[in-house]
Amino acid sequence: MEVGLTVKYEINAIETRYQGVNFRSRLEAKWAAMFDLLGWRWTYEPCDFCGWIPDFAIHGETLVYVEVKPVCKFPIEVADKIDASGCKDEALILGVSPWVSEHEVSLLGWLRETLGEDSFCWGTAVLARWRDSPGNQIGFCHEDMSFSDRITGEYDGGSYGTGDVGIREIDAMWRESGNRTRWEKK
């Protein structure tokens, strides 16, 4: 996992309204639209941990708190802040977009799996479909810890689900999420 050591944001956030919610940034709104396209239930700014307010909670089989940052590399400072916040649940950091790995696997962001009371393991979050997922649902899992889909709870023994999610499919959804957030009338 490539790590970004210093997070500097040089572009000002543009407040954006989507589905009746005022988001602090267009990137947050775009991710909310992406969650909708993926069929994931979400809540915006769901709670307040000590020093960290997650941007989202994704309500799948496993509750996952989400932080959105305009980054392309793993932001260690953000992960450290989440780890120190007292949040014991799983967390996901999302960057500027989903991407494809060198092995042609569609990736979502960076997922923190909770190993114990104060023990966590960060790794890449892999997008996939699991054999028994209803409606051919796309979900995600940790790259090398628990391979259970966080959306449906399905587990396939450790091969990132049974149905690859093509980058073209994800790219099309990402472009559509941009269309849905860019032009909504107020």
N, C-alpha and C. Protein backbone atom coordinates (compact mmCIF):
# COMPACT_ATOMS: atom_id res chain seq x y z
N MET A 1 0.85 -1.17 0.00
CA MET A 1 0.00 0.00 0.00
C MET A 1 0.90 1.22 0.00
N GLU A 2 0.70 2.09 -0.97
CA GLU A 2 1.49 3.32 -1.05
C GLU A 2 0.94 4.31 -0.03
N VAL A 3 1.83 4.92 0.72
CA VAL A 3 1.43 5.80 1.81
C VAL A 3 1.77 7.24 1.48
N GLY A 4 0.81 8.13 1.72
CA GLY A 4 1.04 9.56 1.61
C GLY A 4 1.37 10.08 3.00
N LEU A 5 2.50 10.74 3.16
CA LEU A 5 2.94 11.15 4.48
C LEU A 5 2.40 12.50 4.93
N THR A 6 2.18 13.41 4.01
CA THR A 6 1.67 14.71 4.39
C THR A 6 0.45 15.02 3.55
N VAL A 7 -0.64 15.33 4.21
CA VAL A 7 -1.87 15.62 3.51
C VAL A 7 -2.04 17.13 3.44
N LYS A 8 -1.98 17.68 2.24
CA LYS A 8 -2.22 19.10 2.02
C LYS A 8 -3.32 19.22 0.97
N TYR A 9 -4.36 19.99 1.30
CA TYR A 9 -5.47 20.17 0.39
C TYR A 9 -5.40 21.59 -0.14
N GLU A 10 -5.12 21.71 -1.42
CA GLU A 10 -4.93 23.04 -1.98
C GLU A 10 -6.15 23.54 -2.75
N ILE A 11 -7.16 22.69 -2.87
CA ILE A 11 -8.38 23.09 -3.55
C ILE A 11 -9.47 23.28 -2.49
N ASN A 12 -10.14 24.41 -2.52
CA ASN A 12 -11.21 24.66 -1.57
C ASN A 12 -12.41 23.77 -1.89
N ALA A 13 -13.04 23.27 -0.85
CA ALA A 13 -14.23 22.43 -1.01
C ALA A 13 -15.38 23.29 -1.53
N ILE A 14 -16.21 22.70 -2.37
CA ILE A 14 -17.40 23.36 -2.90
C ILE A 14 -18.61 22.69 -2.29
N GLU A 15 -19.34 23.42 -1.45
CA GLU A 15 -20.55 22.85 -0.86
C GLU A 15 -21.49 22.43 -1.99
N THR A 16 -22.08 21.25 -1.83
CA THR A 16 -22.92 20.68 -2.88
C THR A 16 -24.15 20.02 -2.27
N ARG A 17 -25.29 20.25 -2.88
CA ARG A 17 -26.54 19.65 -2.42
C ARG A 17 -26.87 18.44 -3.29
N TYR A 18 -27.17 17.32 -2.63
CA TYR A 18 -27.56 16.09 -3.33
C TYR A 18 -28.59 15.36 -2.48
N GLN A 19 -29.68 14.96 -3.10
CA GLN A 19 -30.76 14.23 -2.42
C GLN A 19 -31.22 14.93 -1.14
N GLY A 20 -31.27 16.26 -1.20
CA GLY A 20 -31.76 17.03 -0.07
C GLY A 20 -30.76 17.23 1.06
N VAL A 21 -29.51 16.77 0.86
CA VAL A 21 -28.48 16.90 1.89
C VAL A 21 -27.44 17.91 1.41
N ASN A 22 -27.06 18.83 2.30
CA ASN A 22 -25.99 19.77 1.99
C ASN A 22 -24.66 19.15 2.42
N PHE A 23 -23.85 18.79 1.44
CA PHE A 23 -22.54 18.21 1.72
C PHE A 23 -21.50 19.31 1.78
N ARG A 24 -20.48 19.10 2.58
CA ARG A 24 -19.42 20.09 2.74
C ARG A 24 -18.52 20.19 1.52
N SER A 25 -18.54 19.12 0.67
CA SER A 25 -17.72 19.15 -0.54
C SER A 25 -18.41 18.40 -1.67
N ARG A 26 -18.04 18.76 -2.88
CA ARG A 26 -18.56 18.05 -4.05
C ARG A 26 -18.10 16.60 -4.04
N LEU A 27 -16.90 16.34 -3.54
CA LEU A 27 -16.39 14.97 -3.49
C LEU A 27 -17.26 14.11 -2.56
N GLU A 28 -17.65 14.65 -1.42
CA GLU A 28 -18.55 13.90 -0.53
C GLU A 28 -19.88 13.61 -1.23
N ALA A 29 -20.44 14.61 -1.90
CA ALA A 29 -21.71 14.42 -2.61
C ALA A 29 -21.56 13.37 -3.71
N LYS A 30 -20.44 13.39 -4.39
CA LYS A 30 -20.21 12.42 -5.46
C LYS A 30 -20.13 11.00 -4.89
N TRP A 31 -19.48 10.84 -3.74
CA TRP A 31 -19.43 9.53 -3.12
C TRP A 31 -20.82 9.09 -2.67
N ALA A 32 -21.65 10.01 -2.16
CA ALA A 32 -23.02 9.66 -1.78
C ALA A 32 -23.80 9.16 -3.00
N ALA A 33 -23.64 9.82 -4.13
CA ALA A 33 -24.30 9.37 -5.36
C ALA A 33 -23.77 8.01 -5.79
N MET A 34 -22.47 7.78 -5.61
CA MET A 34 -21.89 6.48 -5.94
C MET A 34 -22.49 5.39 -5.05
N PHE A 35 -22.63 5.67 -3.76
CA PHE A 35 -23.25 4.69 -2.86
C PHE A 35 -24.66 4.36 -3.34
N ASP A 36 -25.40 5.39 -3.76
CA ASP A 36 -26.76 5.15 -4.28
C ASP A 36 -26.73 4.26 -5.51
N LEU A 37 -25.81 4.53 -6.43
CA LEU A 37 -25.70 3.72 -7.64
C LEU A 37 -25.32 2.27 -7.31
N LEU A 38 -24.52 2.09 -6.27
CA LEU A 38 -24.14 0.74 -5.84
C LEU A 38 -25.25 0.05 -5.03
N GLY A 39 -26.26 0.81 -4.64
CA GLY A 39 -27.36 0.25 -3.85
C GLY A 39 -27.04 0.12 -2.37
N TRP A 40 -26.10 0.94 -1.87
CA TRP A 40 -25.69 0.90 -0.47
C TRP A 40 -26.47 1.94 0.33
N ARG A 41 -26.92 1.56 1.51
CA ARG A 41 -27.58 2.52 2.41
C ARG A 41 -26.50 3.30 3.17
N TRP A 42 -26.72 4.61 3.32
CA TRP A 42 -25.73 5.45 3.98
C TRP A 42 -26.41 6.54 4.80
N THR A 43 -25.66 7.08 5.74
CA THR A 43 -26.07 8.23 6.54
C THR A 43 -24.91 9.23 6.49
N TYR A 44 -25.25 10.51 6.35
CA TYR A 44 -24.23 11.56 6.31
C TYR A 44 -23.96 12.06 7.72
N GLU A 45 -22.68 12.24 8.05
CA GLU A 45 -22.21 12.70 9.36
C GLU A 45 -23.03 12.08 10.49
N PRO A 46 -22.91 10.76 10.66
CA PRO A 46 -23.79 10.01 11.55
C PRO A 46 -23.53 10.16 13.03
N CYS A 47 -22.30 10.51 13.44
CA CYS A 47 -21.98 10.56 14.86
C CYS A 47 -20.70 11.36 15.07
N ASP A 48 -20.34 11.50 16.33
CA ASP A 48 -19.15 12.27 16.69
C ASP A 48 -18.31 11.43 17.64
N PHE A 49 -17.16 10.97 17.14
CA PHE A 49 -16.19 10.30 17.99
C PHE A 49 -15.27 11.37 18.56
N CYS A 50 -14.40 11.01 19.45
CA CYS A 50 -13.49 11.97 20.07
C CYS A 50 -12.49 12.48 19.03
N GLY A 51 -12.75 13.65 18.48
CA GLY A 51 -11.84 14.24 17.50
C GLY A 51 -12.07 13.83 16.06
N TRP A 52 -13.12 13.02 15.80
CA TRP A 52 -13.40 12.60 14.42
C TRP A 52 -14.90 12.46 14.20
N ILE A 53 -15.40 13.20 13.22
CA ILE A 53 -16.79 13.04 12.78
C ILE A 53 -16.74 12.38 11.41
N PRO A 54 -17.15 11.11 11.30
CA PRO A 54 -17.11 10.45 10.00
C PRO A 54 -18.02 11.17 9.00
N ASP A 55 -17.61 11.18 7.75
CA ASP A 55 -18.45 11.78 6.71
C ASP A 55 -19.69 10.94 6.46
N PHE A 56 -19.55 9.62 6.56
CA PHE A 56 -20.66 8.71 6.29
C PHE A 56 -20.61 7.51 7.22
N ALA A 57 -21.75 6.85 7.32
CA ALA A 57 -21.82 5.46 7.78
C ALA A 57 -22.45 4.70 6.64
N ILE A 58 -21.85 3.57 6.27
CA ILE A 58 -22.45 2.66 5.30
C ILE A 58 -23.10 1.55 6.11
N HIS A 59 -24.40 1.35 5.88
CA HIS A 59 -25.19 0.40 6.65
C HIS A 59 -25.38 -0.88 5.84
N GLY A 60 -24.39 -1.75 5.87
CA GLY A 60 -24.50 -3.06 5.26
C GLY A 60 -24.59 -4.09 6.36
N GLU A 61 -24.20 -5.30 6.05
CA GLU A 61 -24.15 -6.34 7.08
C GLU A 61 -23.20 -5.93 8.20
N THR A 62 -22.15 -5.22 7.84
CA THR A 62 -21.21 -4.65 8.79
C THR A 62 -21.31 -3.12 8.69
N LEU A 63 -21.42 -2.44 9.82
CA LEU A 63 -21.42 -0.98 9.84
C LEU A 63 -20.00 -0.51 9.58
N VAL A 64 -19.84 0.38 8.60
CA VAL A 64 -18.52 0.92 8.27
C VAL A 64 -18.62 2.43 8.25
N TYR A 65 -17.77 3.10 9.04
CA TYR A 65 -17.70 4.55 9.01
C TYR A 65 -16.72 4.98 7.93
N VAL A 66 -17.04 6.11 7.27
CA VAL A 66 -16.30 6.52 6.07
C VAL A 66 -15.78 7.94 6.22
N GLU A 67 -14.54 8.13 5.81
CA GLU A 67 -13.92 9.46 5.72
C GLU A 67 -13.54 9.69 4.26
N VAL A 68 -13.93 10.83 3.72
CA VAL A 68 -13.62 11.19 2.33
C VAL A 68 -12.57 12.28 2.33
N LYS A 69 -11.49 12.06 1.57
CA LYS A 69 -10.41 13.03 1.45
C LYS A 69 -9.96 13.11 -0.01
N PRO A 70 -9.55 14.28 -0.47
CA PRO A 70 -9.09 14.42 -1.86
C PRO A 70 -7.65 13.91 -2.02
N VAL A 71 -7.48 12.60 -1.88
CA VAL A 71 -6.15 11.99 -1.92
C VAL A 71 -6.11 10.84 -2.93
N CYS A 72 -4.90 10.51 -3.36
CA CYS A 72 -4.67 9.36 -4.25
C CYS A 72 -3.82 8.29 -3.58
N LYS A 73 -3.22 8.62 -2.45
CA LYS A 73 -2.39 7.68 -1.70
C LYS A 73 -2.94 7.57 -0.28
N PHE A 74 -2.65 6.45 0.37
CA PHE A 74 -3.12 6.22 1.72
C PHE A 74 -2.66 7.34 2.65
N PRO A 75 -3.61 8.08 3.24
CA PRO A 75 -3.26 9.21 4.11
C PRO A 75 -3.07 8.75 5.56
N ILE A 76 -1.85 8.48 5.93
CA ILE A 76 -1.53 7.92 7.24
C ILE A 76 -2.01 8.83 8.38
N GLU A 77 -1.94 10.16 8.19
CA GLU A 77 -2.40 11.07 9.25
C GLU A 77 -3.90 10.91 9.52
N VAL A 78 -4.66 10.70 8.46
CA VAL A 78 -6.10 10.51 8.59
C VAL A 78 -6.37 9.19 9.31
N ALA A 79 -5.67 8.13 8.90
CA ALA A 79 -5.83 6.82 9.55
C ALA A 79 -5.48 6.91 11.03
N ASP A 80 -4.40 7.60 11.35
CA ASP A 80 -3.99 7.75 12.75
C ASP A 80 -5.06 8.49 13.56
N LYS A 81 -5.67 9.51 12.96
CA LYS A 81 -6.73 10.27 13.64
C LYS A 81 -7.94 9.37 13.90
N ILE A 82 -8.30 8.56 12.93
CA ILE A 82 -9.43 7.64 13.10
C ILE A 82 -9.10 6.62 14.19
N ASP A 83 -7.90 6.06 14.14
CA ASP A 83 -7.49 5.05 15.13
C ASP A 83 -7.50 5.62 16.54
N ALA A 84 -7.16 6.90 16.69
CA ALA A 84 -7.09 7.53 18.01
C ALA A 84 -8.43 8.07 18.50
N SER A 85 -9.46 8.01 17.65
CA SER A 85 -10.74 8.66 17.96
C SER A 85 -11.62 7.90 18.94
N GLY A 86 -11.30 6.66 19.21
CA GLY A 86 -12.15 5.86 20.07
C GLY A 86 -13.15 5.02 19.29
N CYS A 87 -13.20 5.19 17.99
CA CYS A 87 -14.10 4.38 17.15
C CYS A 87 -13.58 2.95 17.12
N LYS A 88 -14.41 2.00 17.49
CA LYS A 88 -14.02 0.58 17.52
C LYS A 88 -14.56 -0.17 16.29
N ASP A 89 -15.38 0.50 15.50
CA ASP A 89 -15.96 -0.13 14.32
C ASP A 89 -15.00 -0.05 13.13
N GLU A 90 -15.38 -0.71 12.05
CA GLU A 90 -14.56 -0.64 10.85
C GLU A 90 -14.68 0.76 10.25
N ALA A 91 -13.63 1.17 9.55
CA ALA A 91 -13.60 2.49 8.92
C ALA A 91 -13.04 2.34 7.52
N LEU A 92 -13.44 3.26 6.66
CA LEU A 92 -13.04 3.26 5.26
C LEU A 92 -12.64 4.68 4.89
N ILE A 93 -11.47 4.83 4.28
CA ILE A 93 -11.05 6.13 3.75
C ILE A 93 -11.21 6.06 2.24
N LEU A 94 -11.94 7.03 1.69
CA LEU A 94 -12.14 7.13 0.25
C LEU A 94 -11.40 8.33 -0.28
N GLY A 95 -10.79 8.19 -1.45
CA GLY A 95 -10.04 9.26 -2.06
C GLY A 95 -10.79 9.92 -3.19
N VAL A 96 -10.05 10.36 -4.20
CA VAL A 96 -10.63 11.13 -5.30
C VAL A 96 -11.48 10.27 -6.24
N SER A 97 -11.32 8.96 -6.21
CA SER A 97 -12.12 8.06 -7.06
C SER A 97 -11.74 6.62 -6.76
N PRO A 98 -12.60 5.67 -7.20
CA PRO A 98 -12.16 4.28 -7.19
C PRO A 98 -11.05 4.12 -8.23
N TRP A 99 -10.28 3.04 -8.15
CA TRP A 99 -9.21 2.83 -9.13
C TRP A 99 -9.00 1.34 -9.36
N VAL A 100 -8.15 0.99 -10.29
CA VAL A 100 -7.85 -0.40 -10.59
C VAL A 100 -6.41 -0.71 -10.18
N SER A 101 -6.20 -1.90 -9.62
CA SER A 101 -4.86 -2.30 -9.17
C SER A 101 -4.03 -2.79 -10.34
N GLU A 102 -2.76 -3.03 -10.07
CA GLU A 102 -1.87 -3.58 -11.11
C GLU A 102 -2.31 -4.97 -11.54
N HIS A 103 -3.15 -5.63 -10.73
CA HIS A 103 -3.66 -6.97 -11.06
C HIS A 103 -5.06 -6.92 -11.64
N GLU A 104 -5.47 -5.71 -12.09
CA GLU A 104 -6.79 -5.51 -12.72
C GLU A 104 -7.95 -5.78 -11.77
N VAL A 105 -7.78 -5.45 -10.49
CA VAL A 105 -8.83 -5.57 -9.49
C VAL A 105 -9.37 -4.18 -9.20
N SER A 106 -10.69 -4.03 -9.17
CA SER A 106 -11.30 -2.74 -8.86
C SER A 106 -11.19 -2.47 -7.36
N LEU A 107 -10.65 -1.28 -7.03
CA LEU A 107 -10.42 -0.91 -5.63
C LEU A 107 -11.26 0.31 -5.26
N LEU A 108 -11.72 0.32 -4.01
CA LEU A 108 -12.61 1.36 -3.52
C LEU A 108 -11.86 2.43 -2.73
N GLY A 109 -11.01 2.02 -1.83
CA GLY A 109 -10.29 2.93 -0.93
C GLY A 109 -9.46 2.11 0.02
N TRP A 110 -9.40 2.55 1.30
CA TRP A 110 -8.60 1.85 2.31
C TRP A 110 -9.49 1.50 3.48
N LEU A 111 -9.55 0.22 3.81
CA LEU A 111 -10.45 -0.30 4.84
C LEU A 111 -9.67 -0.66 6.09
N ARG A 112 -10.18 -0.21 7.23
CA ARG A 112 -9.61 -0.59 8.53
C ARG A 112 -10.45 -1.71 9.11
N GLU A 113 -9.82 -2.86 9.26
CA GLU A 113 -10.50 -3.98 9.90
C GLU A 113 -10.10 -3.97 11.37
N THR A 114 -11.08 -4.15 12.23
CA THR A 114 -10.83 -4.19 13.66
C THR A 114 -10.44 -5.60 14.06
N LEU A 115 -9.28 -5.74 14.70
CA LEU A 115 -8.77 -7.05 15.09
C LEU A 115 -9.01 -7.34 16.57
N GLY A 116 -9.14 -6.32 17.36
CA GLY A 116 -9.36 -6.47 18.80
C GLY A 116 -9.73 -5.13 19.38
N GLU A 117 -9.71 -5.03 20.68
CA GLU A 117 -10.14 -3.81 21.36
C GLU A 117 -9.45 -2.56 20.82
N ASP A 118 -8.14 -2.58 20.69
CA ASP A 118 -7.40 -1.43 20.17
C ASP A 118 -6.42 -1.83 19.08
N SER A 119 -6.78 -2.83 18.31
CA SER A 119 -5.90 -3.34 17.27
C SER A 119 -6.60 -3.29 15.92
N PHE A 120 -5.96 -2.64 14.95
CA PHE A 120 -6.56 -2.44 13.65
C PHE A 120 -5.57 -2.79 12.54
N CYS A 121 -6.09 -3.13 11.39
CA CYS A 121 -5.25 -3.40 10.23
C CYS A 121 -5.83 -2.67 9.02
N TRP A 122 -5.09 -1.71 8.49
CA TRP A 122 -5.51 -0.98 7.30
C TRP A 122 -5.03 -1.72 6.05
N GLY A 123 -5.86 -1.75 5.04
CA GLY A 123 -5.50 -2.34 3.76
C GLY A 123 -6.45 -1.86 2.68
N THR A 124 -6.13 -2.16 1.48
CA THR A 124 -6.96 -1.73 0.36
C THR A 124 -8.32 -2.43 0.40
N ALA A 125 -9.37 -1.70 0.06
CA ALA A 125 -10.72 -2.26 -0.02
C ALA A 125 -10.99 -2.67 -1.46
N VAL A 126 -11.32 -3.94 -1.65
CA VAL A 126 -11.53 -4.53 -2.97
C VAL A 126 -13.03 -4.58 -3.27
N LEU A 127 -13.42 -4.09 -4.45
CA LEU A 127 -14.81 -4.19 -4.91
C LEU A 127 -15.02 -5.54 -5.59
N ALA A 128 -16.14 -6.20 -5.29
CA ALA A 128 -16.41 -7.51 -5.90
C ALA A 128 -17.89 -7.86 -5.74
N ARG A 129 -18.24 -8.98 -6.35
CA ARG A 129 -19.57 -9.58 -6.18
C ARG A 129 -19.36 -10.95 -5.53
N TRP A 130 -20.24 -11.30 -4.62
CA TRP A 130 -20.16 -12.60 -3.98
C TRP A 130 -21.26 -13.50 -4.54
N ARG A 131 -20.99 -14.78 -4.61
CA ARG A 131 -21.88 -15.76 -5.26
C ARG A 131 -23.33 -15.64 -4.83
N ASP A 132 -23.57 -15.56 -3.54
CA ASP A 132 -24.94 -15.58 -3.04
C ASP A 132 -25.51 -14.19 -2.77
N SER A 133 -24.84 -13.15 -3.26
CA SER A 133 -25.35 -11.80 -2.99
C SER A 133 -26.63 -11.56 -3.79
N PRO A 134 -27.64 -11.00 -3.15
CA PRO A 134 -28.91 -10.77 -3.84
C PRO A 134 -28.77 -9.73 -4.95
N GLY A 135 -29.36 -10.00 -6.08
CA GLY A 135 -29.38 -9.03 -7.18
C GLY A 135 -28.02 -8.71 -7.75
N ASN A 136 -27.08 -9.64 -7.61
CA ASN A 136 -25.74 -9.41 -8.16
C ASN A 136 -25.09 -8.16 -7.54
N GLN A 137 -25.37 -7.94 -6.27
CA GLN A 137 -24.93 -6.77 -5.50
C GLN A 137 -23.40 -6.64 -5.49
N ILE A 138 -22.91 -5.44 -5.73
CA ILE A 138 -21.49 -5.16 -5.57
C ILE A 138 -21.24 -4.80 -4.11
N GLY A 139 -20.18 -5.36 -3.55
CA GLY A 139 -19.80 -5.06 -2.19
C GLY A 139 -18.29 -4.86 -2.11
N PHE A 140 -17.74 -4.92 -0.91
CA PHE A 140 -16.29 -4.74 -0.75
C PHE A 140 -15.79 -5.51 0.45
N CYS A 141 -14.50 -5.83 0.40
CA CYS A 141 -13.85 -6.53 1.50
C CYS A 141 -12.43 -6.00 1.67
N HIS A 142 -11.78 -6.41 2.73
CA HIS A 142 -10.39 -6.06 3.00
C HIS A 142 -9.50 -6.88 2.07
N GLU A 143 -8.40 -6.31 1.62
CA GLU A 143 -7.53 -6.98 0.65
C GLU A 143 -6.89 -8.26 1.17
N ASP A 144 -6.61 -8.34 2.48
CA ASP A 144 -5.92 -9.53 2.94
C ASP A 144 -6.27 -9.93 4.37
N MET A 145 -7.36 -9.46 4.90
CA MET A 145 -7.79 -9.90 6.24
C MET A 145 -9.07 -10.71 6.07
N SER A 146 -10.21 -10.18 6.48
CA SER A 146 -11.46 -10.89 6.30
C SER A 146 -11.98 -10.61 4.89
N PHE A 147 -12.26 -11.66 4.17
CA PHE A 147 -12.76 -11.51 2.80
C PHE A 147 -14.28 -11.49 2.75
N SER A 148 -14.92 -11.21 3.87
CA SER A 148 -16.38 -11.12 3.91
C SER A 148 -16.83 -9.80 3.31
N ASP A 149 -17.88 -9.87 2.53
CA ASP A 149 -18.46 -8.66 1.95
C ASP A 149 -19.10 -7.83 3.06
N ARG A 150 -18.73 -6.57 3.16
CA ARG A 150 -19.26 -5.70 4.21
C ARG A 150 -20.72 -5.32 3.93
N ILE A 151 -21.18 -5.45 2.71
CA ILE A 151 -22.56 -5.08 2.37
C ILE A 151 -23.52 -6.24 2.66
N THR A 152 -23.23 -7.43 2.16
CA THR A 152 -24.15 -8.57 2.30
C THR A 152 -23.75 -9.55 3.39
N GLY A 153 -22.49 -9.50 3.83
CA GLY A 153 -22.00 -10.45 4.81
C GLY A 153 -21.54 -11.77 4.21
N GLU A 154 -21.65 -11.92 2.89
CA GLU A 154 -21.25 -13.16 2.22
C GLU A 154 -19.75 -13.37 2.35
N TYR A 155 -19.37 -14.65 2.42
CA TYR A 155 -17.96 -15.03 2.52
C TYR A 155 -17.71 -16.18 1.55
N ASP A 156 -16.60 -16.11 0.81
CA ASP A 156 -16.34 -17.13 -0.21
C ASP A 156 -15.06 -17.91 0.04
N GLY A 157 -14.45 -17.74 1.18
CA GLY A 157 -13.23 -18.48 1.47
C GLY A 157 -11.95 -17.72 1.17
N GLY A 158 -12.05 -16.54 0.63
CA GLY A 158 -10.86 -15.73 0.48
C GLY A 158 -10.42 -15.40 -0.92
N SER A 159 -11.35 -15.20 -1.83
CA SER A 159 -10.93 -14.85 -3.19
C SER A 159 -11.63 -13.62 -3.73
N TYR A 160 -11.87 -12.65 -2.86
CA TYR A 160 -12.49 -11.37 -3.24
C TYR A 160 -13.82 -11.56 -3.95
N GLY A 161 -14.62 -12.45 -3.47
CA GLY A 161 -15.90 -12.68 -4.11
C GLY A 161 -15.73 -13.58 -5.32
N THR A 162 -16.82 -13.84 -5.99
CA THR A 162 -16.77 -14.75 -7.13
C THR A 162 -17.02 -14.05 -8.44
N GLY A 163 -17.37 -12.80 -8.40
CA GLY A 163 -17.64 -12.07 -9.62
C GLY A 163 -16.84 -10.79 -9.68
N ASP A 164 -15.94 -10.72 -10.64
CA ASP A 164 -15.15 -9.51 -10.79
C ASP A 164 -16.04 -8.32 -11.12
N VAL A 165 -15.65 -7.18 -10.62
CA VAL A 165 -16.31 -5.93 -10.96
C VAL A 165 -15.36 -5.21 -11.90
N GLY A 166 -15.75 -5.08 -13.14
CA GLY A 166 -14.88 -4.45 -14.13
C GLY A 166 -14.71 -2.97 -13.90
N ILE A 167 -13.53 -2.49 -14.21
CA ILE A 167 -13.25 -1.07 -14.02
C ILE A 167 -14.14 -0.22 -14.93
N ARG A 168 -14.53 -0.74 -16.09
CA ARG A 168 -15.45 0.03 -16.96
C ARG A 168 -16.79 0.26 -16.28
N GLU A 169 -17.28 -0.77 -15.59
CA GLU A 169 -18.54 -0.65 -14.86
C GLU A 169 -18.41 0.39 -13.76
N ILE A 170 -17.33 0.33 -13.00
CA ILE A 170 -17.12 1.28 -11.91
C ILE A 170 -16.88 2.68 -12.47
N ASP A 171 -16.11 2.81 -13.54
CA ASP A 171 -15.89 4.12 -14.17
C ASP A 171 -17.21 4.74 -14.61
N ALA A 172 -18.09 3.93 -15.20
CA ALA A 172 -19.39 4.44 -15.65
C ALA A 172 -20.21 4.93 -14.47
N MET A 173 -20.20 4.18 -13.37
CA MET A 173 -20.93 4.62 -12.17
C MET A 173 -20.33 5.90 -11.61
N TRP A 174 -19.00 5.98 -11.60
CA TRP A 174 -18.33 7.17 -11.06
C TRP A 174 -18.66 8.40 -11.90
N ARG A 175 -18.66 8.26 -13.22
CA ARG A 175 -19.04 9.38 -14.09
C ARG A 175 -20.49 9.79 -13.84
N GLU A 176 -21.38 8.81 -13.70
CA GLU A 176 -22.78 9.11 -13.44
C GLU A 176 -22.95 9.78 -12.07
N SER A 177 -22.17 9.38 -11.08
CA SER A 177 -22.28 10.04 -9.77
C SER A 177 -21.88 11.50 -9.88
N GLY A 178 -20.91 11.79 -10.74
CA GLY A 178 -20.54 13.19 -10.99
C GLY A 178 -21.66 13.95 -11.66
N ASN A 179 -22.33 13.32 -12.62
CA ASN A 179 -23.47 13.97 -13.29
C ASN A 179 -24.59 14.26 -12.31
N ARG A 180 -24.85 13.34 -11.41
CA ARG A 180 -25.95 13.51 -10.46
C ARG A 180 -25.68 14.60 -9.43
N THR A 181 -24.45 14.89 -9.15
CA THR A 181 -24.14 15.89 -8.13
C THR A 181 -23.81 17.25 -8.71
N ARG A 182 -23.40 17.30 -9.92
CA ARG A 182 -22.95 18.57 -10.50
C ARG A 182 -24.11 19.49 -10.85
N TRP A 183 -25.23 18.93 -11.28
CA TRP A 183 -26.26 19.77 -11.87
C TRP A 183 -27.58 19.80 -11.12
N GLU A 184 -27.62 19.31 -9.90
CA GLU A 184 -28.89 19.31 -9.17
C GLU A 184 -29.33 20.75 -8.89
N LYS A 185 -30.60 21.02 -9.22
CA LYS A 185 -31.15 22.36 -8.95
C LYS A 185 -31.41 22.52 -7.47
N LYS A 186 -31.22 23.75 -6.98
CA LYS A 186 -31.48 24.03 -5.56
C LYS A 186 -32.90 24.49 -5.37
